[in-house]
């Protein structure tokens, strides 16, 4: 797949791409995610429900009771795992998390993917530069999440040491921005 690159940052005298963005995301004002246009005028949830790549995430957001929150004013920065990211979890994990008795754990995992504020790739790149190659963010769950560059790709590292690649960046919403990721991030 052909890639386009977002902003560039100067690190150690070299320019590095802030985020590699797939060609799928580059469709004018309404980028395509999961076969559906993402409209800047719609909320995070209202766009996500149309993405065929985010059906598991939408089901999890519904089970955790976070729909109204993510339809709220925000702004929110959401690292949105695709269905295949959830498929990487051990067998039965998603079904277990979706049970009502596990709502607290599901909520913690989902809110670990959210940062208060509107952090596009330029803001994340600036934080990485300021942190001399690594940025630390506090998520809505209260846990830490780290961002860094791996070549031309933006990589997130969770508290358990897991790594997630941003595959589509800067999908703007009326109440924030989504960055599509390939792996579910896990808090301690």
N, C-alpha and C. Protein backbone atom coordinates (compact mmCIF):
# COMPACT_ATOMS: atom_id res chain seq x y z
N UNK A 1 0.85 -1.17 0.00
CA UNK A 1 0.00 0.00 0.00
C UNK A 1 0.89 1.24 0.00
N UNK A 2 0.56 2.19 -0.81
CA UNK A 2 1.29 3.44 -0.90
C UNK A 2 1.05 4.25 0.37
N UNK A 3 2.09 4.94 0.87
CA UNK A 3 1.94 5.77 2.06
C UNK A 3 2.21 7.22 1.75
N UNK A 4 1.56 8.09 2.49
CA UNK A 4 1.81 9.52 2.46
C UNK A 4 2.26 9.88 3.85
N UNK A 5 3.05 10.93 3.98
CA UNK A 5 3.56 11.28 5.28
C UNK A 5 3.00 12.61 5.73
N UNK A 6 2.63 12.65 7.02
CA UNK A 6 2.10 13.87 7.63
C UNK A 6 3.21 14.87 7.84
N UNK A 7 3.24 15.49 8.98
CA UNK A 7 4.23 16.52 9.26
C UNK A 7 5.60 15.89 9.46
N UNK A 8 6.61 16.73 9.37
CA UNK A 8 7.97 16.28 9.59
C UNK A 8 8.55 17.01 10.78
N UNK A 9 9.44 16.32 11.51
CA UNK A 9 10.07 16.95 12.66
C UNK A 9 11.58 16.83 12.50
N UNK A 10 12.29 17.72 13.14
CA UNK A 10 13.74 17.72 13.12
C UNK A 10 14.21 17.02 14.38
N UNK A 11 14.89 15.89 14.23
CA UNK A 11 15.41 15.14 15.36
C UNK A 11 16.88 14.88 15.09
N UNK A 12 17.73 15.38 15.95
CA UNK A 12 19.16 15.15 15.80
C UNK A 12 19.70 15.59 14.46
N UNK A 13 19.16 16.68 13.92
CA UNK A 13 19.62 17.19 12.64
C UNK A 13 19.02 16.51 11.43
N UNK A 14 18.18 15.50 11.64
CA UNK A 14 17.55 14.79 10.53
C UNK A 14 16.05 15.03 10.55
N UNK A 15 15.46 15.15 9.38
CA UNK A 15 14.01 15.26 9.32
C UNK A 15 13.42 13.86 9.35
N UNK A 16 12.43 13.67 10.20
CA UNK A 16 11.74 12.38 10.31
C UNK A 16 10.26 12.62 10.08
N UNK A 17 9.62 11.70 9.40
CA UNK A 17 8.18 11.83 9.20
C UNK A 17 7.48 11.63 10.53
N UNK A 18 6.54 12.50 10.82
CA UNK A 18 5.83 12.41 12.10
C UNK A 18 4.91 11.21 12.13
N UNK A 19 4.23 10.93 11.04
CA UNK A 19 3.30 9.81 11.01
C UNK A 19 3.17 9.32 9.58
N UNK A 20 3.24 8.02 9.38
CA UNK A 20 2.96 7.46 8.07
C UNK A 20 1.46 7.26 7.99
N UNK A 21 0.85 7.78 6.96
CA UNK A 21 -0.60 7.72 6.80
C UNK A 21 -0.90 6.94 5.53
N UNK A 22 -1.77 5.96 5.62
CA UNK A 22 -2.08 5.18 4.44
C UNK A 22 -2.84 6.00 3.42
N UNK A 23 -2.76 5.59 2.17
CA UNK A 23 -3.46 6.29 1.09
C UNK A 23 -4.96 6.31 1.33
N UNK A 24 -5.47 5.30 2.05
CA UNK A 24 -6.90 5.23 2.34
C UNK A 24 -7.37 6.45 3.12
N UNK A 25 -6.50 7.00 3.96
CA UNK A 25 -6.90 8.13 4.79
C UNK A 25 -6.91 9.44 4.04
N UNK A 26 -6.25 9.50 2.91
CA UNK A 26 -6.08 10.75 2.20
C UNK A 26 -7.17 10.93 1.14
N UNK A 27 -8.35 11.27 1.56
CA UNK A 27 -9.46 11.46 0.64
C UNK A 27 -10.10 12.81 0.90
N UNK A 28 -9.32 13.87 0.69
CA UNK A 28 -9.85 15.21 0.87
C UNK A 28 -10.28 15.47 2.30
N UNK A 29 -11.40 16.15 2.44
CA UNK A 29 -11.89 16.53 3.76
C UNK A 29 -12.51 15.37 4.53
N UNK A 30 -12.90 14.31 3.85
CA UNK A 30 -13.57 13.18 4.50
C UNK A 30 -12.78 11.90 4.23
N UNK A 31 -11.74 11.64 5.04
CA UNK A 31 -10.93 10.45 4.82
C UNK A 31 -11.77 9.18 4.97
N UNK A 32 -11.35 8.13 4.29
CA UNK A 32 -12.03 6.84 4.35
C UNK A 32 -11.36 5.97 5.42
N UNK A 33 -12.17 5.41 6.29
CA UNK A 33 -11.70 4.47 7.30
C UNK A 33 -12.69 3.32 7.32
N UNK A 34 -12.20 2.12 7.10
CA UNK A 34 -13.07 0.95 7.11
C UNK A 34 -14.16 1.02 6.05
N UNK A 35 -13.84 1.63 4.91
CA UNK A 35 -14.78 1.70 3.80
C UNK A 35 -15.83 2.79 3.92
N UNK A 36 -15.71 3.64 4.93
CA UNK A 36 -16.71 4.69 5.14
C UNK A 36 -16.01 6.05 5.28
N UNK A 37 -16.65 7.06 4.73
CA UNK A 37 -16.13 8.42 4.89
C UNK A 37 -16.28 8.85 6.34
N UNK A 38 -15.26 9.49 6.85
CA UNK A 38 -15.28 10.03 8.20
C UNK A 38 -15.50 11.55 8.08
N UNK A 39 -16.62 12.02 8.58
CA UNK A 39 -17.01 13.41 8.42
C UNK A 39 -16.58 14.24 9.63
N UNK A 40 -15.93 15.36 9.38
CA UNK A 40 -15.49 16.28 10.44
C UNK A 40 -16.67 16.81 11.25
N UNK A 41 -17.86 16.76 10.66
CA UNK A 41 -19.04 17.31 11.33
C UNK A 41 -19.71 16.30 12.27
N UNK A 42 -19.24 15.04 12.25
CA UNK A 42 -19.82 14.00 13.11
C UNK A 42 -18.89 13.71 14.28
N UNK A 43 -19.48 13.15 15.35
CA UNK A 43 -18.69 12.80 16.53
C UNK A 43 -17.90 11.52 16.28
N UNK A 44 -17.01 11.24 17.20
CA UNK A 44 -16.19 10.03 17.14
C UNK A 44 -17.07 8.80 17.01
N UNK A 45 -18.07 8.67 17.84
CA UNK A 45 -18.95 7.49 17.80
C UNK A 45 -19.77 7.46 16.52
N UNK A 46 -20.32 8.59 16.12
CA UNK A 46 -21.17 8.63 14.93
C UNK A 46 -20.40 8.26 13.66
N UNK A 47 -19.10 8.53 13.62
CA UNK A 47 -18.29 8.10 12.50
C UNK A 47 -17.88 6.64 12.65
N UNK A 48 -17.47 6.24 13.85
CA UNK A 48 -16.96 4.88 14.07
C UNK A 48 -17.98 3.80 13.73
N UNK A 49 -19.26 4.07 13.98
CA UNK A 49 -20.28 3.05 13.72
C UNK A 49 -20.37 2.71 12.23
N UNK A 50 -19.85 3.56 11.36
CA UNK A 50 -19.90 3.31 9.92
C UNK A 50 -18.67 2.59 9.39
N UNK A 51 -17.62 2.46 10.20
CA UNK A 51 -16.38 1.82 9.77
C UNK A 51 -16.48 0.31 9.96
N UNK A 52 -16.38 -0.44 8.86
CA UNK A 52 -16.42 -1.90 8.98
C UNK A 52 -15.19 -2.45 9.70
N UNK A 53 -14.15 -1.64 9.84
CA UNK A 53 -12.93 -2.06 10.54
C UNK A 53 -13.00 -1.85 12.05
N UNK A 54 -14.08 -1.23 12.52
CA UNK A 54 -14.17 -0.90 13.94
C UNK A 54 -15.42 -1.45 14.62
N UNK A 55 -15.98 -2.54 14.11
CA UNK A 55 -17.20 -3.10 14.69
C UNK A 55 -16.96 -3.63 16.11
N UNK A 56 -15.81 -4.22 16.35
CA UNK A 56 -15.51 -4.72 17.70
C UNK A 56 -15.35 -3.55 18.67
N UNK A 57 -14.65 -2.51 18.24
CA UNK A 57 -14.48 -1.33 19.09
C UNK A 57 -15.83 -0.71 19.42
N UNK A 58 -16.69 -0.57 18.43
CA UNK A 58 -18.02 0.02 18.67
C UNK A 58 -18.81 -0.84 19.66
N UNK A 59 -18.76 -2.16 19.49
CA UNK A 59 -19.46 -3.06 20.43
C UNK A 59 -18.91 -2.90 21.84
N UNK A 60 -17.61 -2.75 21.96
CA UNK A 60 -16.98 -2.58 23.27
C UNK A 60 -17.37 -1.24 23.89
N UNK A 61 -17.38 -0.18 23.10
CA UNK A 61 -17.78 1.15 23.60
C UNK A 61 -19.23 1.10 24.10
N UNK A 62 -20.08 0.40 23.37
CA UNK A 62 -21.47 0.26 23.79
C UNK A 62 -21.57 -0.54 25.08
N UNK A 63 -20.85 -1.66 25.17
CA UNK A 63 -20.90 -2.51 26.36
C UNK A 63 -20.36 -1.78 27.60
N UNK A 64 -19.40 -0.89 27.40
CA UNK A 64 -18.82 -0.15 28.52
C UNK A 64 -19.65 1.08 28.90
N UNK A 65 -20.66 1.40 28.09
CA UNK A 65 -21.49 2.56 28.38
C UNK A 65 -20.79 3.87 28.09
N UNK A 66 -19.88 3.89 27.12
CA UNK A 66 -19.11 5.09 26.80
C UNK A 66 -19.62 5.85 25.58
N UNK A 67 -20.74 5.42 25.00
CA UNK A 67 -21.26 6.06 23.79
C UNK A 67 -21.52 7.54 24.03
N UNK A 68 -22.27 7.86 25.08
CA UNK A 68 -22.61 9.26 25.34
C UNK A 68 -21.36 10.09 25.63
N UNK A 69 -20.40 9.52 26.33
CA UNK A 69 -19.15 10.23 26.62
C UNK A 69 -18.43 10.59 25.33
N UNK A 70 -18.28 9.62 24.42
CA UNK A 70 -17.55 9.86 23.18
C UNK A 70 -18.37 10.61 22.13
N UNK A 71 -19.63 10.86 22.44
CA UNK A 71 -20.44 11.77 21.63
C UNK A 71 -20.41 13.18 22.22
N UNK A 72 -19.83 13.31 23.41
CA UNK A 72 -19.77 14.59 24.10
C UNK A 72 -18.86 15.58 23.41
N UNK A 73 -18.79 16.77 23.99
CA UNK A 73 -18.06 17.88 23.38
C UNK A 73 -16.56 17.62 23.24
N UNK A 74 -15.98 16.86 24.18
CA UNK A 74 -14.55 16.62 24.09
C UNK A 74 -13.75 17.88 24.34
N UNK A 75 -12.65 18.07 23.66
CA UNK A 75 -12.16 17.22 22.58
C UNK A 75 -11.42 16.00 23.12
N UNK A 76 -11.43 14.96 22.30
CA UNK A 76 -10.77 13.70 22.63
C UNK A 76 -9.79 13.32 21.52
N UNK A 77 -8.71 12.70 21.91
CA UNK A 77 -7.81 12.04 20.97
C UNK A 77 -8.00 10.56 21.23
N UNK A 78 -8.43 9.82 20.20
CA UNK A 78 -8.72 8.40 20.37
C UNK A 78 -7.79 7.59 19.47
N UNK A 79 -7.11 6.62 20.07
CA UNK A 79 -6.32 5.64 19.33
C UNK A 79 -7.25 4.44 19.15
N UNK A 80 -7.81 4.31 17.94
CA UNK A 80 -8.91 3.39 17.67
C UNK A 80 -8.41 2.07 17.07
N UNK A 81 -8.41 0.99 17.86
CA UNK A 81 -7.97 -0.30 17.34
C UNK A 81 -8.96 -0.87 16.32
N UNK A 82 -8.42 -1.44 15.25
CA UNK A 82 -9.24 -2.10 14.24
C UNK A 82 -9.62 -3.49 14.74
N UNK A 83 -10.56 -4.11 14.05
CA UNK A 83 -11.01 -5.45 14.43
C UNK A 83 -9.86 -6.44 14.56
N UNK A 84 -8.92 -6.40 13.60
CA UNK A 84 -7.79 -7.33 13.64
C UNK A 84 -6.91 -7.10 14.86
N UNK A 85 -6.92 -5.90 15.43
CA UNK A 85 -6.19 -5.64 16.67
C UNK A 85 -6.79 -6.45 17.82
N UNK A 86 -8.12 -6.47 17.88
CA UNK A 86 -8.79 -7.25 18.91
C UNK A 86 -8.57 -8.75 18.68
N UNK A 87 -8.45 -9.16 17.41
CA UNK A 87 -8.20 -10.56 17.09
C UNK A 87 -6.84 -11.04 17.59
N UNK A 88 -5.90 -10.12 17.82
CA UNK A 88 -4.57 -10.47 18.33
C UNK A 88 -4.61 -10.85 19.81
N UNK A 89 -5.66 -10.45 20.52
CA UNK A 89 -5.77 -10.79 21.94
C UNK A 89 -5.98 -12.29 22.09
N UNK A 90 -5.61 -12.86 23.23
CA UNK A 90 -5.83 -14.29 23.43
C UNK A 90 -7.29 -14.68 23.20
N UNK A 91 -7.49 -15.88 22.69
CA UNK A 91 -8.84 -16.38 22.38
C UNK A 91 -9.76 -16.21 23.58
N UNK A 92 -10.95 -15.69 23.31
CA UNK A 92 -11.96 -15.52 24.35
C UNK A 92 -11.89 -14.20 25.11
N UNK A 93 -10.82 -13.44 24.94
CA UNK A 93 -10.64 -12.20 25.70
C UNK A 93 -11.76 -11.20 25.42
N UNK A 94 -12.07 -10.98 24.15
CA UNK A 94 -13.09 -9.99 23.81
C UNK A 94 -14.44 -10.41 24.37
N UNK A 95 -14.81 -11.66 24.18
CA UNK A 95 -16.09 -12.14 24.71
C UNK A 95 -16.16 -11.96 26.23
N UNK A 96 -15.06 -12.25 26.91
CA UNK A 96 -15.01 -12.10 28.36
C UNK A 96 -15.17 -10.64 28.75
N UNK A 97 -14.46 -9.74 28.06
CA UNK A 97 -14.53 -8.31 28.38
C UNK A 97 -15.92 -7.72 28.13
N UNK A 98 -16.64 -8.26 27.16
CA UNK A 98 -17.96 -7.73 26.83
C UNK A 98 -19.05 -8.15 27.82
N UNK A 99 -18.74 -9.06 28.73
CA UNK A 99 -19.73 -9.48 29.73
C UNK A 99 -19.97 -8.35 30.73
N UNK A 100 -21.21 -8.17 31.16
CA UNK A 100 -21.55 -7.09 32.11
C UNK A 100 -20.68 -7.08 33.37
N UNK A 101 -20.32 -8.25 33.87
CA UNK A 101 -19.54 -8.30 35.11
C UNK A 101 -18.09 -7.80 34.91
N UNK A 102 -17.67 -7.62 33.67
CA UNK A 102 -16.32 -7.15 33.38
C UNK A 102 -16.30 -5.71 32.83
N UNK A 103 -17.39 -5.00 33.03
CA UNK A 103 -17.52 -3.64 32.51
C UNK A 103 -16.41 -2.71 33.01
N UNK A 104 -16.02 -2.83 34.27
CA UNK A 104 -14.99 -1.97 34.83
C UNK A 104 -13.65 -2.15 34.10
N UNK A 105 -13.26 -3.40 33.88
CA UNK A 105 -12.00 -3.69 33.17
C UNK A 105 -12.09 -3.22 31.72
N UNK A 106 -13.21 -3.47 31.06
CA UNK A 106 -13.40 -3.02 29.68
C UNK A 106 -13.30 -1.50 29.60
N UNK A 107 -13.93 -0.82 30.53
CA UNK A 107 -13.89 0.64 30.55
C UNK A 107 -12.46 1.14 30.72
N UNK A 108 -11.70 0.49 31.60
CA UNK A 108 -10.30 0.89 31.81
C UNK A 108 -9.49 0.72 30.52
N UNK A 109 -9.68 -0.39 29.84
CA UNK A 109 -8.94 -0.63 28.59
C UNK A 109 -9.33 0.39 27.53
N UNK A 110 -10.62 0.63 27.38
CA UNK A 110 -11.07 1.58 26.35
C UNK A 110 -10.61 3.00 26.66
N UNK A 111 -10.73 3.44 27.91
CA UNK A 111 -10.32 4.80 28.25
C UNK A 111 -8.80 4.96 28.23
N UNK A 112 -8.08 3.85 28.22
CA UNK A 112 -6.63 3.86 28.04
C UNK A 112 -6.28 4.27 26.61
N UNK A 113 -7.21 4.17 25.70
CA UNK A 113 -7.02 4.55 24.30
C UNK A 113 -7.43 6.00 24.03
N UNK A 114 -7.75 6.75 25.08
CA UNK A 114 -8.26 8.11 24.92
C UNK A 114 -7.40 9.09 25.73
N UNK A 115 -7.05 10.20 25.08
CA UNK A 115 -6.34 11.30 25.75
C UNK A 115 -7.24 12.52 25.65
N UNK A 116 -7.40 13.23 26.75
CA UNK A 116 -8.17 14.47 26.71
C UNK A 116 -7.42 15.48 25.86
N UNK A 117 -8.13 16.14 24.96
CA UNK A 117 -7.51 17.12 24.08
C UNK A 117 -7.57 16.69 22.64
N UNK A 118 -7.09 17.54 21.79
CA UNK A 118 -7.14 17.33 20.34
C UNK A 118 -5.71 17.24 19.83
N UNK A 119 -5.11 16.05 19.92
CA UNK A 119 -3.70 15.85 19.56
C UNK A 119 -3.59 15.26 18.15
N UNK A 120 -3.35 16.12 17.18
CA UNK A 120 -3.11 15.60 15.84
C UNK A 120 -1.65 15.15 15.74
N UNK A 121 -1.24 14.66 14.57
CA UNK A 121 0.11 14.13 14.41
C UNK A 121 1.18 15.20 14.66
N UNK A 122 0.87 16.45 14.32
CA UNK A 122 1.84 17.53 14.56
C UNK A 122 2.06 17.74 16.06
N UNK A 123 0.98 17.70 16.84
CA UNK A 123 1.09 17.88 18.29
C UNK A 123 1.84 16.71 18.92
N UNK A 124 1.57 15.51 18.45
CA UNK A 124 2.27 14.33 18.97
C UNK A 124 3.75 14.40 18.60
N UNK A 125 4.04 14.78 17.35
CA UNK A 125 5.43 14.92 16.90
C UNK A 125 6.16 15.97 17.73
N UNK A 126 5.50 17.07 18.04
CA UNK A 126 6.13 18.12 18.87
C UNK A 126 6.43 17.59 20.27
N UNK A 127 5.52 16.79 20.82
CA UNK A 127 5.74 16.20 22.14
C UNK A 127 6.91 15.21 22.10
N UNK A 128 7.01 14.44 21.03
CA UNK A 128 8.12 13.49 20.88
C UNK A 128 9.43 14.26 20.79
N UNK A 129 9.44 15.32 20.02
CA UNK A 129 10.65 16.15 19.88
C UNK A 129 11.04 16.74 21.24
N UNK A 130 10.06 17.29 21.94
CA UNK A 130 10.32 17.90 23.25
C UNK A 130 10.86 16.86 24.23
N UNK A 131 10.37 15.63 24.12
CA UNK A 131 10.82 14.54 24.99
C UNK A 131 12.07 13.85 24.50
N UNK A 132 12.73 14.43 23.51
CA UNK A 132 13.98 13.89 22.95
C UNK A 132 13.79 12.47 22.42
N UNK A 133 12.70 12.28 21.68
CA UNK A 133 12.45 11.00 21.03
C UNK A 133 11.35 10.15 21.63
N UNK A 134 10.78 10.61 22.76
CA UNK A 134 9.73 9.83 23.42
C UNK A 134 8.79 10.79 24.16
N UNK A 135 7.51 10.67 23.92
CA UNK A 135 6.52 11.50 24.60
C UNK A 135 5.71 10.63 25.55
N UNK A 136 5.41 11.19 26.71
CA UNK A 136 4.58 10.49 27.69
C UNK A 136 3.24 11.22 27.79
N UNK A 137 2.16 10.45 27.72
CA UNK A 137 0.82 11.00 27.83
C UNK A 137 0.08 10.30 28.95
N UNK A 138 -0.79 11.04 29.61
CA UNK A 138 -1.69 10.44 30.61
C UNK A 138 -3.03 10.27 29.93
N UNK A 139 -3.54 9.06 29.94
CA UNK A 139 -4.80 8.75 29.28
C UNK A 139 -5.97 9.07 30.21
N UNK A 140 -7.17 9.01 29.67
CA UNK A 140 -8.38 9.26 30.45
C UNK A 140 -8.51 8.25 31.59
N UNK A 141 -7.95 7.05 31.43
CA UNK A 141 -7.99 6.05 32.50
C UNK A 141 -7.06 6.41 33.65
N UNK A 142 -6.17 7.40 33.43
CA UNK A 142 -5.21 7.79 34.45
C UNK A 142 -3.87 7.09 34.31
N UNK A 143 -3.73 6.24 33.31
CA UNK A 143 -2.50 5.49 33.09
C UNK A 143 -1.61 6.21 32.08
N UNK A 144 -0.35 5.79 32.01
CA UNK A 144 0.63 6.38 31.09
C UNK A 144 0.67 5.60 29.77
N UNK A 145 0.95 6.35 28.70
CA UNK A 145 1.10 5.82 27.35
C UNK A 145 2.24 6.59 26.71
N UNK A 146 3.09 5.92 25.96
CA UNK A 146 4.24 6.56 25.36
C UNK A 146 4.14 6.54 23.83
N UNK A 147 4.65 7.60 23.20
CA UNK A 147 4.69 7.69 21.74
C UNK A 147 6.12 7.95 21.30
N UNK A 148 6.50 7.32 20.19
CA UNK A 148 7.84 7.51 19.64
C UNK A 148 7.81 7.15 18.15
N UNK A 149 8.88 7.47 17.49
CA UNK A 149 8.98 7.13 16.08
C UNK A 149 9.80 5.86 15.94
N UNK A 150 9.40 5.02 14.99
CA UNK A 150 10.16 3.84 14.58
C UNK A 150 10.32 4.00 13.07
N UNK A 151 11.42 4.56 12.67
CA UNK A 151 11.58 4.91 11.26
C UNK A 151 10.61 6.02 10.92
N UNK A 152 9.73 5.76 9.98
CA UNK A 152 8.74 6.76 9.56
C UNK A 152 7.38 6.54 10.21
N UNK A 153 7.30 5.62 11.14
CA UNK A 153 6.02 5.25 11.74
C UNK A 153 5.90 5.72 13.18
N UNK A 154 4.71 6.19 13.54
CA UNK A 154 4.41 6.54 14.91
C UNK A 154 4.02 5.26 15.64
N UNK A 155 4.68 5.00 16.75
CA UNK A 155 4.44 3.80 17.54
C UNK A 155 4.03 4.22 18.94
N UNK A 156 3.03 3.55 19.47
CA UNK A 156 2.59 3.75 20.85
C UNK A 156 3.07 2.54 21.66
N UNK A 157 3.50 2.80 22.88
CA UNK A 157 3.93 1.73 23.77
C UNK A 157 3.08 1.81 25.03
N UNK A 158 2.47 0.67 25.39
CA UNK A 158 1.60 0.65 26.56
C UNK A 158 2.38 0.29 27.83
N UNK A 159 1.70 0.29 28.96
CA UNK A 159 2.35 0.03 30.24
C UNK A 159 2.87 -1.40 30.37
N UNK A 160 2.40 -2.29 29.56
CA UNK A 160 2.87 -3.68 29.60
C UNK A 160 4.00 -3.92 28.60
N UNK A 161 4.39 -2.86 27.88
CA UNK A 161 5.46 -2.99 26.89
C UNK A 161 4.98 -3.34 25.50
N UNK A 162 3.66 -3.48 25.33
CA UNK A 162 3.10 -3.76 24.02
C UNK A 162 3.23 -2.56 23.10
N UNK A 163 3.36 -2.82 21.81
CA UNK A 163 3.54 -1.77 20.82
C UNK A 163 2.38 -1.78 19.83
N UNK A 164 1.94 -0.59 19.46
CA UNK A 164 0.86 -0.43 18.49
C UNK A 164 1.26 0.62 17.47
N UNK A 165 1.07 0.31 16.22
CA UNK A 165 1.42 1.20 15.12
C UNK A 165 0.22 2.02 14.69
N UNK A 166 0.41 3.32 14.54
CA UNK A 166 -0.64 4.17 13.98
C UNK A 166 -0.65 3.94 12.47
N UNK A 167 -1.76 3.43 11.96
CA UNK A 167 -1.85 3.12 10.52
C UNK A 167 -2.56 4.21 9.73
N UNK A 168 -3.45 4.94 10.36
CA UNK A 168 -4.12 6.09 9.76
C UNK A 168 -4.16 7.17 10.82
N UNK A 169 -3.60 8.33 10.51
CA UNK A 169 -3.53 9.42 11.48
C UNK A 169 -4.46 10.56 11.09
N UNK A 170 -4.77 11.39 12.09
CA UNK A 170 -5.43 12.67 11.86
C UNK A 170 -6.80 12.57 11.19
N UNK A 171 -7.61 11.64 11.64
CA UNK A 171 -8.99 11.55 11.16
C UNK A 171 -9.81 12.46 12.06
N UNK A 172 -10.07 13.64 11.57
CA UNK A 172 -10.72 14.68 12.38
C UNK A 172 -12.21 14.43 12.55
N UNK A 173 -12.69 14.73 13.75
CA UNK A 173 -14.08 14.55 14.14
C UNK A 173 -14.58 15.88 14.71
N UNK A 174 -15.86 16.02 14.90
CA UNK A 174 -16.37 17.27 15.48
C UNK A 174 -15.93 17.44 16.93
N UNK A 175 -15.60 16.33 17.60
CA UNK A 175 -15.22 16.41 19.01
C UNK A 175 -13.82 15.84 19.27
N UNK A 176 -12.97 15.89 18.26
CA UNK A 176 -11.60 15.45 18.46
C UNK A 176 -10.98 14.87 17.21
N UNK A 177 -10.07 13.94 17.44
CA UNK A 177 -9.33 13.32 16.34
C UNK A 177 -9.12 11.84 16.66
N UNK A 178 -9.18 11.02 15.62
CA UNK A 178 -8.91 9.59 15.74
C UNK A 178 -7.61 9.27 15.02
N UNK A 179 -6.83 8.38 15.64
CA UNK A 179 -5.67 7.78 15.00
C UNK A 179 -5.94 6.27 15.04
N UNK A 180 -6.02 5.64 13.89
CA UNK A 180 -6.31 4.20 13.80
C UNK A 180 -5.03 3.45 14.17
N UNK A 181 -5.16 2.42 15.03
CA UNK A 181 -4.02 1.63 15.47
C UNK A 181 -4.25 0.15 15.20
N UNK A 182 -3.13 -0.59 15.12
CA UNK A 182 -3.19 -2.00 14.72
C UNK A 182 -3.15 -2.99 15.88
N UNK A 183 -3.03 -2.49 17.12
CA UNK A 183 -2.94 -3.37 18.28
C UNK A 183 -3.66 -2.71 19.46
N UNK A 184 -4.36 -3.51 20.24
CA UNK A 184 -5.04 -3.00 21.45
C UNK A 184 -3.97 -2.68 22.49
N UNK A 185 -4.06 -1.50 23.06
CA UNK A 185 -3.15 -1.05 24.11
C UNK A 185 -3.67 -1.54 25.46
N UNK A 186 -2.75 -1.99 26.32
CA UNK A 186 -3.18 -2.55 27.61
C UNK A 186 -2.53 -1.83 28.78
N UNK A 187 -3.38 -1.31 29.68
CA UNK A 187 -2.85 -0.66 30.90
C UNK A 187 -2.44 -1.71 31.93
N UNK A 188 -1.68 -1.29 32.94
CA UNK A 188 -1.36 -2.19 34.06
C UNK A 188 -2.57 -2.37 34.92
